[in-house]
């Protein structure tokens, strides 16, 4: 277990478990939390023994109930702009993390908490989870991708309604709308998320990274460019040692032994 003030980090085999650990503040995201998350994700991505990460929240009520308003209330527009608030750590977590990671949403995921969950490659939700972008109630708007990722996930109509009214979406609606991969009983969430992470961690590491890049490119480019990107990554993988091992293992009806190269 590594030493952080606002998060807990634990390695369980090939899976890194990161827990937001401010339960009295409903795991609200302040600058210290975001800095520590950036450090933890960078360490995970650099560690060859770790192949998947699970992010969840401590306590029974919240994954992360938004940004820490107490930290933001006195900050003026010039500071937000000059600091490029929210930008740097997002680059570290979203663009800087090549390996797969899962958000296990155990309760409220509101504002920045919803945006953080949507940065994950997979969202698994407790049946008690609730998602929302209620920034309009504070006289502002999403600032960490809420208007963009939510719209891409659930469509304009539902995203527009949520951003303009501030209403929350429960777990069942989130699954129907395509925001989350699966909803599981609350008490089984972490167990299920870890099993999913272990499954991902058991796959060839290069192939996991390539598959993540392929799917993400579908949101960021044209179909023609995405197909070209997919094809090139496929061709690169065919030159890997794991491709040779994987196909031999398939023919020989045994599990593969992956080298990650």
C-alpha atoms as a PDB file:
ATOM      1  CA  UNK A   1       0.000   0.000   0.000  1.00  0.00           C
ATOM      2  CA  UNK A   2       1.562   3.307  -1.066  1.00  0.00           C
ATOM      3  CA  UNK A   3       1.487   6.511   0.948  1.00  0.00           C
ATOM      4  CA  UNK A   4      -0.954   9.196  -0.173  1.00  0.00           C
ATOM      5  CA  UNK A   5      -3.117  11.541   1.855  1.00  0.00           C
ATOM      6  CA  UNK A   6      -6.303  11.435  -0.205  1.00  0.00           C
ATOM      7  CA  UNK A   7      -6.233   8.134  -2.068  1.00  0.00           C
ATOM      8  CA  UNK A   8      -5.334   4.540  -1.294  1.00  0.00           C
ATOM      9  CA  UNK A   9      -3.262   2.537  -3.778  1.00  0.00           C
ATOM     10  CA  UNK A  10      -2.878  -1.219  -3.560  1.00  0.00           C
ATOM     11  CA  UNK A  11      -1.452  -3.811  -5.950  1.00  0.00           C
ATOM     12  CA  UNK A  12      -3.414  -7.033  -6.130  1.00  0.00           C
ATOM     13  CA  UNK A  13      -1.510  -9.306  -8.451  1.00  0.00           C
ATOM     14  CA  UNK A  14      -1.460  -7.615 -11.860  1.00  0.00           C
ATOM     15  CA  UNK A  15      -4.263  -5.198 -10.901  1.00  0.00           C
ATOM     16  CA  UNK A  16      -3.813  -1.813  -9.222  1.00  0.00           C
ATOM     17  CA  UNK A  17      -6.716  -0.764  -6.981  1.00  0.00           C
ATOM     18  CA  UNK A  18      -7.031   2.985  -6.386  1.00  0.00           C
ATOM     19  CA  UNK A  19      -9.610   4.239  -3.868  1.00  0.00           C
ATOM     20  CA  UNK A  20     -10.643   7.866  -3.462  1.00  0.00           C
ATOM     21  CA  UNK A  21     -10.380   8.299   0.298  1.00  0.00           C
ATOM     22  CA  UNK A  22     -12.216  11.424   1.487  1.00  0.00           C
ATOM     23  CA  UNK A  23     -15.468   9.797   2.672  1.00  0.00           C
ATOM     24  CA  UNK A  24     -16.446  12.712   4.951  1.00  0.00           C
ATOM     25  CA  UNK A  25     -16.313  15.010   1.889  1.00  0.00           C
ATOM     26  CA  UNK A  26     -18.035  12.372  -0.286  1.00  0.00           C
ATOM     27  CA  UNK A  27     -14.672  11.949  -2.048  1.00  0.00           C
ATOM     28  CA  UNK A  28     -14.842  15.441  -3.546  1.00  0.00           C
ATOM     29  CA  UNK A  29     -12.031  16.213  -5.971  1.00  0.00           C
ATOM     30  CA  UNK A  30      -9.638  18.972  -4.933  1.00  0.00           C
ATOM     31  CA  UNK A  31      -6.204  19.859  -6.282  1.00  0.00           C
ATOM     32  CA  UNK A  32      -4.436  17.461  -3.929  1.00  0.00           C
ATOM     33  CA  UNK A  33      -6.686  14.542  -4.929  1.00  0.00           C
ATOM     34  CA  UNK A  34      -6.162  15.249  -8.620  1.00  0.00           C
ATOM     35  CA  UNK A  35      -2.392  15.569  -8.184  1.00  0.00           C
ATOM     36  CA  UNK A  36      -2.238  12.257  -6.303  1.00  0.00           C
ATOM     37  CA  UNK A  37      -4.406  10.562  -8.927  1.00  0.00           C
ATOM     38  CA  UNK A  38      -2.035  11.782 -11.624  1.00  0.00           C
ATOM     39  CA  UNK A  39       0.930  10.338  -9.740  1.00  0.00           C
ATOM     40  CA  UNK A  40      -0.819   7.029  -9.089  1.00  0.00           C
ATOM     41  CA  UNK A  41      -1.884   6.609 -12.715  1.00  0.00           C
ATOM     42  CA  UNK A  42       1.610   7.463 -13.964  1.00  0.00           C
ATOM     43  CA  UNK A  43       3.114   4.864 -11.631  1.00  0.00           C
ATOM     44  CA  UNK A  44       0.579   2.263 -12.789  1.00  0.00           C
ATOM     45  CA  UNK A  45       1.279   2.919 -16.449  1.00  0.00           C
ATOM     46  CA  UNK A  46       5.042   2.660 -15.921  1.00  0.00           C
ATOM     47  CA  UNK A  47       4.884  -0.578 -13.906  1.00  0.00           C
ATOM     48  CA  UNK A  48       5.210  -3.570 -16.264  1.00  0.00           C
ATOM     49  CA  UNK A  49       3.813  -5.916 -13.610  1.00  0.00           C
ATOM     50  CA  UNK A  50       0.488  -4.023 -13.569  1.00  0.00           C
ATOM     51  CA  UNK A  51      -1.921  -4.606 -16.451  1.00  0.00           C
ATOM     52  CA  UNK A  52      -5.240  -3.109 -15.353  1.00  0.00           C
ATOM     53  CA  UNK A  53      -6.402  -0.534 -12.803  1.00  0.00           C
ATOM     54  CA  UNK A  54      -9.659  -0.180 -10.869  1.00  0.00           C
ATOM     55  CA  UNK A  55     -10.723   3.205  -9.454  1.00  0.00           C
ATOM     56  CA  UNK A  56     -13.480   3.387  -6.842  1.00  0.00           C
ATOM     57  CA  UNK A  57     -14.622   5.519  -3.923  1.00  0.00           C
ATOM     58  CA  UNK A  58     -14.482   4.896  -0.182  1.00  0.00           C
ATOM     59  CA  UNK A  59     -17.597   4.835   1.963  1.00  0.00           C
ATOM     60  CA  UNK A  60     -21.122   3.793   1.054  1.00  0.00           C
ATOM     61  CA  UNK A  61     -22.462   6.978  -0.516  1.00  0.00           C
ATOM     62  CA  UNK A  62     -20.155   8.328  -3.204  1.00  0.00           C
ATOM     63  CA  UNK A  63     -17.684   7.507  -5.921  1.00  0.00           C
ATOM     64  CA  UNK A  64     -16.942  11.243  -6.109  1.00  0.00           C
ATOM     65  CA  UNK A  65     -19.614  13.853  -5.487  1.00  0.00           C
ATOM     66  CA  UNK A  66     -17.957  16.491  -7.651  1.00  0.00           C
ATOM     67  CA  UNK A  67     -15.187  19.043  -7.416  1.00  0.00           C
ATOM     68  CA  UNK A  68     -14.430  20.549  -4.015  1.00  0.00           C
ATOM     69  CA  UNK A  69     -16.445  23.781  -4.132  1.00  0.00           C
ATOM     70  CA  UNK A  70     -14.763  25.127  -0.987  1.00  0.00           C
ATOM     71  CA  UNK A  71     -11.485  25.229  -2.917  1.00  0.00           C
ATOM     72  CA  UNK A  72     -13.050  26.893  -5.955  1.00  0.00           C
ATOM     73  CA  UNK A  73     -15.387  29.490  -4.459  1.00  0.00           C
ATOM     74  CA  UNK A  74     -12.754  32.208  -3.924  1.00  0.00           C
ATOM     75  CA  UNK A  75     -10.754  31.525  -7.089  1.00  0.00           C
ATOM     76  CA  UNK A  76     -11.287  34.140  -9.793  1.00  0.00           C
ATOM     77  CA  UNK A  77     -11.535  33.729 -13.553  1.00  0.00           C
ATOM     78  CA  UNK A  78      -7.973  34.902 -14.183  1.00  0.00           C
ATOM     79  CA  UNK A  79      -6.585  32.173 -11.925  1.00  0.00           C
ATOM     80  CA  UNK A  80      -8.764  29.507 -13.547  1.00  0.00           C
ATOM     81  CA  UNK A  81      -7.553  30.625 -16.968  1.00  0.00           C
ATOM     82  CA  UNK A  82      -3.856  31.077 -16.170  1.00  0.00           C
ATOM     83  CA  UNK A  83      -3.694  27.753 -14.319  1.00  0.00           C
ATOM     84  CA  UNK A  84      -5.607  26.115 -17.186  1.00  0.00           C
ATOM     85  CA  UNK A  85      -7.647  24.566 -14.397  1.00  0.00           C
ATOM     86  CA  UNK A  86      -8.374  20.820 -14.771  1.00  0.00           C
ATOM     87  CA  UNK A  87      -6.172  20.501 -17.876  1.00  0.00           C
ATOM     88  CA  UNK A  88      -2.824  19.120 -16.721  1.00  0.00           C
ATOM     89  CA  UNK A  89      -3.980  16.154 -14.677  1.00  0.00           C
ATOM     90  CA  UNK A  90      -6.540  15.148 -17.320  1.00  0.00           C
ATOM     91  CA  UNK A  91      -3.685  14.878 -19.790  1.00  0.00           C
ATOM     92  CA  UNK A  92      -1.856  12.584 -17.381  1.00  0.00           C
ATOM     93  CA  UNK A  93      -4.863  10.369 -16.642  1.00  0.00           C
ATOM     94  CA  UNK A  94      -6.621  10.224 -20.009  1.00  0.00           C
ATOM     95  CA  UNK A  95      -3.906  10.675 -22.619  1.00  0.00           C
ATOM     96  CA  UNK A  96      -0.975   9.566 -20.500  1.00  0.00           C
ATOM     97  CA  UNK A  97      -2.429   6.227 -19.387  1.00  0.00           C
ATOM     98  CA  UNK A  98      -2.053   3.724 -22.218  1.00  0.00           C
ATOM     99  CA  UNK A  99      -3.095   0.654 -20.260  1.00  0.00           C
ATOM    100  CA  UNK A 100      -6.778  -0.122 -19.508  1.00  0.00           C
ATOM    101  CA  UNK A 101      -8.582   1.069 -16.399  1.00  0.00           C
ATOM    102  CA  UNK A 102     -12.038   0.636 -14.911  1.00  0.00           C
ATOM    103  CA  UNK A 103     -14.221   3.005 -12.877  1.00  0.00           C
ATOM    104  CA  UNK A 104     -16.200   1.067 -10.265  1.00  0.00           C
ATOM    105  CA  UNK A 105     -18.886   3.630  -9.396  1.00  0.00           C
ATOM    106  CA  UNK A 106     -20.225   2.799  -5.962  1.00  0.00           C
ATOM    107  CA  UNK A 107     -22.517   5.781  -5.353  1.00  0.00           C
ATOM    108  CA  UNK A 108     -22.875   9.409  -6.389  1.00  0.00           C
ATOM    109  CA  UNK A 109     -20.785  10.368  -9.429  1.00  0.00           C
ATOM    110  CA  UNK A 110     -21.703  14.003  -9.861  1.00  0.00           C
ATOM    111  CA  UNK A 111     -20.016  16.880 -11.676  1.00  0.00           C
ATOM    112  CA  UNK A 112     -16.299  16.187 -11.623  1.00  0.00           C
ATOM    113  CA  UNK A 113     -17.011  12.721 -10.269  1.00  0.00           C
ATOM    114  CA  UNK A 114     -19.145  11.857 -13.282  1.00  0.00           C
ATOM    115  CA  UNK A 115     -16.498  13.354 -15.562  1.00  0.00           C
ATOM    116  CA  UNK A 116     -13.771  11.310 -13.859  1.00  0.00           C
ATOM    117  CA  UNK A 117     -15.782   8.106 -14.312  1.00  0.00           C
ATOM    118  CA  UNK A 118     -16.327   8.896 -18.000  1.00  0.00           C
ATOM    119  CA  UNK A 119     -12.567   9.100 -18.523  1.00  0.00           C
ATOM    120  CA  UNK A 120     -12.339   5.372 -17.712  1.00  0.00           C
ATOM    121  CA  UNK A 121     -12.213   2.725 -20.401  1.00  0.00           C
ATOM    122  CA  UNK A 122     -15.063   0.823 -18.716  1.00  0.00           C
ATOM    123  CA  UNK A 123     -17.631   1.996 -16.162  1.00  0.00           C
ATOM    124  CA  UNK A 124     -19.151  -0.636 -13.870  1.00  0.00           C
ATOM    125  CA  UNK A 125     -21.913   0.712 -11.633  1.00  0.00           C
ATOM    126  CA  UNK A 126     -23.420  -0.333  -8.336  1.00  0.00           C
ATOM    127  CA  UNK A 127     -27.199  -0.495  -8.399  1.00  0.00           C
ATOM    128  CA  UNK A 128     -27.023   2.457  -5.985  1.00  0.00           C
ATOM    129  CA  UNK A 129     -24.954   4.627  -8.340  1.00  0.00           C
ATOM    130  CA  UNK A 130     -26.236   7.964  -9.605  1.00  0.00           C
ATOM    131  CA  UNK A 131     -24.689  10.102 -12.344  1.00  0.00           C
ATOM    132  CA  UNK A 132     -25.155  13.797 -13.037  1.00  0.00           C
ATOM    133  CA  UNK A 133     -23.718  17.108 -14.234  1.00  0.00           C
ATOM    134  CA  UNK A 134     -25.351  19.579 -11.820  1.00  0.00           C
ATOM    135  CA  UNK A 135     -22.903  22.461 -12.425  1.00  0.00           C
ATOM    136  CA  UNK A 136     -25.700  24.696 -13.704  1.00  0.00           C
ATOM    137  CA  UNK A 137     -27.026  24.865 -10.144  1.00  0.00           C
ATOM    138  CA  UNK A 138     -23.788  26.653  -9.203  1.00  0.00           C
ATOM    139  CA  UNK A 139     -23.967  29.107 -12.072  1.00  0.00           C
ATOM    140  CA  UNK A 140     -21.328  27.329 -14.118  1.00  0.00           C
ATOM    141  CA  UNK A 141     -21.042  24.376 -16.522  1.00  0.00           C
ATOM    142  CA  UNK A 142     -19.015  21.161 -16.839  1.00  0.00           C
ATOM    143  CA  UNK A 143     -15.270  21.790 -17.066  1.00  0.00           C
ATOM    144  CA  UNK A 144     -13.676  18.332 -17.241  1.00  0.00           C
ATOM    145  CA  UNK A 145     -15.424  16.906 -20.286  1.00  0.00           C
ATOM    146  CA  UNK A 146     -18.962  16.515 -18.984  1.00  0.00           C
ATOM    147  CA  UNK A 147     -20.641  18.201 -21.942  1.00  0.00           C
ATOM    148  CA  UNK A 148     -18.445  16.306 -24.418  1.00  0.00           C
ATOM    149  CA  UNK A 149     -18.059  12.752 -23.103  1.00  0.00           C
ATOM    150  CA  UNK A 150     -21.624  12.569 -21.792  1.00  0.00           C
ATOM    151  CA  UNK A 151     -23.021  13.633 -25.168  1.00  0.00           C
ATOM    152  CA  UNK A 152     -20.883  11.077 -26.976  1.00  0.00           C
ATOM    153  CA  UNK A 153     -21.994   8.366 -24.545  1.00  0.00           C
ATOM    154  CA  UNK A 154     -25.749   8.974 -24.263  1.00  0.00           C
ATOM    155  CA  UNK A 155     -26.601  11.331 -27.143  1.00  0.00           C
ATOM    156  CA  UNK A 156     -27.492  15.019 -27.369  1.00  0.00           C
ATOM    157  CA  UNK A 157     -31.048  14.863 -26.048  1.00  0.00           C
ATOM    158  CA  UNK A 158     -30.304  13.169 -22.738  1.00  0.00           C
ATOM    159  CA  UNK A 159     -27.012  15.010 -22.200  1.00  0.00           C
ATOM    160  CA  UNK A 160     -28.644  18.370 -22.884  1.00  0.00           C
ATOM    161  CA  UNK A 161     -31.453  17.622 -20.445  1.00  0.00           C
ATOM    162  CA  UNK A 162     -29.037  16.579 -17.700  1.00  0.00           C
ATOM    163  CA  UNK A 163     -26.744  19.589 -18.167  1.00  0.00           C
ATOM    164  CA  UNK A 164     -29.632  22.090 -18.306  1.00  0.00           C
ATOM    165  CA  UNK A 165     -31.717  20.670 -15.449  1.00  0.00           C
ATOM    166  CA  UNK A 166     -29.007  19.161 -13.264  1.00  0.00           C
ATOM    167  CA  UNK A 167     -31.045  15.989 -12.769  1.00  0.00           C
ATOM    168  CA  UNK A 168     -29.371  12.730 -11.816  1.00  0.00           C
ATOM    169  CA  UNK A 169     -29.488   9.499 -13.813  1.00  0.00           C
ATOM    170  CA  UNK A 170     -29.722   6.256 -11.846  1.00  0.00           C
ATOM    171  CA  UNK A 171     -27.692   3.164 -12.648  1.00  0.00           C
ATOM    172  CA  UNK A 172     -30.399   1.362 -14.636  1.00  0.00           C
ATOM    173  CA  UNK A 173     -30.996   4.380 -16.871  1.00  0.00           C
ATOM    174  CA  UNK A 174     -27.235   4.836 -17.268  1.00  0.00           C
ATOM    175  CA  UNK A 175     -26.923   1.261 -18.521  1.00  0.00           C
ATOM    176  CA  UNK A 176     -29.848   1.637 -20.923  1.00  0.00           C
ATOM    177  CA  UNK A 177     -28.380   4.867 -22.246  1.00  0.00           C
ATOM    178  CA  UNK A 178     -24.966   3.303 -22.851  1.00  0.00           C
ATOM    179  CA  UNK A 179     -23.060   5.247 -20.189  1.00  0.00           C
ATOM    180  CA  UNK A 180     -22.086   2.163 -18.171  1.00  0.00           C
ATOM    181  CA  UNK A 181     -21.120  -1.333 -19.276  1.00  0.00           C
ATOM    182  CA  UNK A 182     -22.965  -3.192 -16.528  1.00  0.00           C
ATOM    183  CA  UNK A 183     -24.884  -2.678 -13.289  1.00  0.00           C
ATOM    184  CA  UNK A 184     -24.151  -5.074 -10.429  1.00  0.00           C
ATOM    185  CA  UNK A 185     -25.482  -5.408  -6.856  1.00  0.00           C
ATOM    186  CA  UNK A 186     -23.866  -2.831  -4.613  1.00  0.00           C
ATOM    187  CA  UNK A 187     -22.149  -5.337  -2.324  1.00  0.00           C
ATOM    188  CA  UNK A 188     -20.672  -7.186  -5.308  1.00  0.00           C
ATOM    189  CA  UNK A 189     -19.309  -4.160  -7.177  1.00  0.00           C
ATOM    190  CA  UNK A 190     -15.661  -4.285  -6.162  1.00  0.00           C
ATOM    191  CA  UNK A 191     -15.481  -8.065  -6.490  1.00  0.00           C
ATOM    192  CA  UNK A 192     -16.990  -7.876  -9.973  1.00  0.00           C
ATOM    193  CA  UNK A 193     -14.719  -4.987 -11.002  1.00  0.00           C
ATOM    194  CA  UNK A 194     -11.626  -6.833  -9.803  1.00  0.00           C
ATOM    195  CA  UNK A 195     -12.650  -9.988 -11.694  1.00  0.00           C
ATOM    196  CA  UNK A 196     -13.116  -7.938 -14.857  1.00  0.00           C
ATOM    197  CA  UNK A 197      -9.734  -6.271 -14.300  1.00  0.00           C
ATOM    198  CA  UNK A 198      -8.081  -9.649 -13.723  1.00  0.00           C
ATOM    199  CA  UNK A 199      -9.559 -10.910 -16.992  1.00  0.00           C
ATOM    200  CA  UNK A 200      -8.133  -7.904 -18.833  1.00  0.00           C
ATOM    201  CA  UNK A 201      -4.813  -8.326 -17.029  1.00  0.00           C
ATOM    202  CA  UNK A 202      -4.625 -11.930 -18.248  1.00  0.00           C
ATOM    203  CA  UNK A 203      -4.669 -10.858 -21.907  1.00  0.00           C
ATOM    204  CA  UNK A 204      -1.569 -10.021 -24.014  1.00  0.00           C
ATOM    205  CA  UNK A 205      -0.465  -6.550 -22.819  1.00  0.00           C
ATOM    206  CA  UNK A 206       0.309  -5.073 -26.241  1.00  0.00           C
ATOM    207  CA  UNK A 207      -3.021  -6.274 -27.592  1.00  0.00           C
ATOM    208  CA  UNK A 208      -4.853  -4.699 -24.641  1.00  0.00           C
ATOM    209  CA  UNK A 209      -3.240  -1.323 -25.328  1.00  0.00           C
ATOM    210  CA  UNK A 210      -3.980  -1.575 -29.054  1.00  0.00           C
ATOM    211  CA  UNK A 211      -7.616  -2.544 -28.516  1.00  0.00           C
ATOM    212  CA  UNK A 212      -8.052   0.421 -26.167  1.00  0.00           C
ATOM    213  CA  UNK A 213      -6.538   2.775 -28.758  1.00  0.00           C
ATOM    214  CA  UNK A 214      -8.764   1.393 -31.516  1.00  0.00           C
ATOM    215  CA  UNK A 215     -12.020   1.854 -29.622  1.00  0.00           C
ATOM    216  CA  UNK A 216     -11.063   5.315 -28.404  1.00  0.00           C
ATOM    217  CA  UNK A 217     -10.206   6.404 -31.937  1.00  0.00           C
ATOM    218  CA  UNK A 218     -13.836   5.783 -32.937  1.00  0.00           C
ATOM    219  CA  UNK A 219     -14.790   8.796 -30.803  1.00  0.00           C
ATOM    220  CA  UNK A 220     -12.023  11.041 -32.052  1.00  0.00           C
ATOM    221  CA  UNK A 221     -11.837  10.688 -35.822  1.00  0.00           C
ATOM    222  CA  UNK A 222     -13.694   9.848 -39.026  1.00  0.00           C
ATOM    223  CA  UNK A 223     -14.700   6.294 -39.906  1.00  0.00           C
ATOM    224  CA  UNK A 224     -12.168   6.182 -42.743  1.00  0.00           C
ATOM    225  CA  UNK A 225      -9.300   7.304 -40.522  1.00  0.00           C
ATOM    226  CA  UNK A 226     -10.446   5.026 -37.710  1.00  0.00           C
ATOM    227  CA  UNK A 227     -10.470   2.000 -40.000  1.00  0.00           C
ATOM    228  CA  UNK A 228      -6.975   2.853 -41.206  1.00  0.00           C
ATOM    229  CA  UNK A 229      -5.765   3.251 -37.609  1.00  0.00           C
ATOM    230  CA  UNK A 230      -7.331  -0.099 -36.660  1.00  0.00           C
ATOM    231  CA  UNK A 231      -5.714  -1.834 -39.615  1.00  0.00           C
ATOM    232  CA  UNK A 232      -2.249  -0.451 -38.838  1.00  0.00           C
ATOM    233  CA  UNK A 233      -2.451  -1.507 -35.198  1.00  0.00           C
ATOM    234  CA  UNK A 234      -3.589  -4.982 -36.239  1.00  0.00           C
ATOM    235  CA  UNK A 235      -0.621  -5.233 -38.597  1.00  0.00           C
ATOM    236  CA  UNK A 236       1.798  -4.130 -35.866  1.00  0.00           C
ATOM    237  CA  UNK A 237       0.411  -6.769 -33.498  1.00  0.00           C
ATOM    238  CA  UNK A 238       1.031  -9.514 -36.070  1.00  0.00           C
ATOM    239  CA  UNK A 239       4.767  -8.832 -35.693  1.00  0.00           C
ATOM    240  CA  UNK A 240       4.690  -9.384 -31.915  1.00  0.00           C
ATOM    241  CA  UNK A 241       5.962 -12.410 -30.042  1.00  0.00           C
ATOM    242  CA  UNK A 242       2.606 -12.602 -28.284  1.00  0.00           C
ATOM    243  CA  UNK A 243       0.842 -13.040 -31.648  1.00  0.00           C
ATOM    244  CA  UNK A 244       3.000 -16.100 -32.388  1.00  0.00           C
ATOM    245  CA  UNK A 245       2.419 -17.470 -28.889  1.00  0.00           C
ATOM    246  CA  UNK A 246      -1.310 -16.723 -28.950  1.00  0.00           C
ATOM    247  CA  UNK A 247      -1.933 -18.507 -32.224  1.00  0.00           C
ATOM    248  CA  UNK A 248       0.215 -21.506 -31.221  1.00  0.00           C
ATOM    249  CA  UNK A 249      -1.627 -21.718 -27.900  1.00  0.00           C
ATOM    250  CA  UNK A 250      -4.966 -21.633 -29.718  1.00  0.00           C
ATOM    251  CA  UNK A 251      -3.979 -24.457 -32.055  1.00  0.00           C
ATOM    252  CA  UNK A 252      -2.505 -26.476 -29.171  1.00  0.00           C
ATOM    253  CA  UNK A 253      -5.573 -25.834 -26.980  1.00  0.00           C
ATOM    254  CA  UNK A 254      -3.649 -24.303 -24.059  1.00  0.00           C
ATOM    255  CA  UNK A 255      -3.374 -20.942 -22.307  1.00  0.00           C
ATOM    256  CA  UNK A 256      -0.947 -18.436 -23.756  1.00  0.00           C
ATOM    257  CA  UNK A 257       2.167 -17.273 -21.935  1.00  0.00           C
ATOM    258  CA  UNK A 258       2.516 -13.571 -22.677  1.00  0.00           C
ATOM    259  CA  UNK A 259       5.737 -11.585 -22.874  1.00  0.00           C
ATOM    260  CA  UNK A 260       4.165  -8.216 -23.603  1.00  0.00           C
ATOM    261  CA  UNK A 261       6.222  -7.790 -26.774  1.00  0.00           C
END
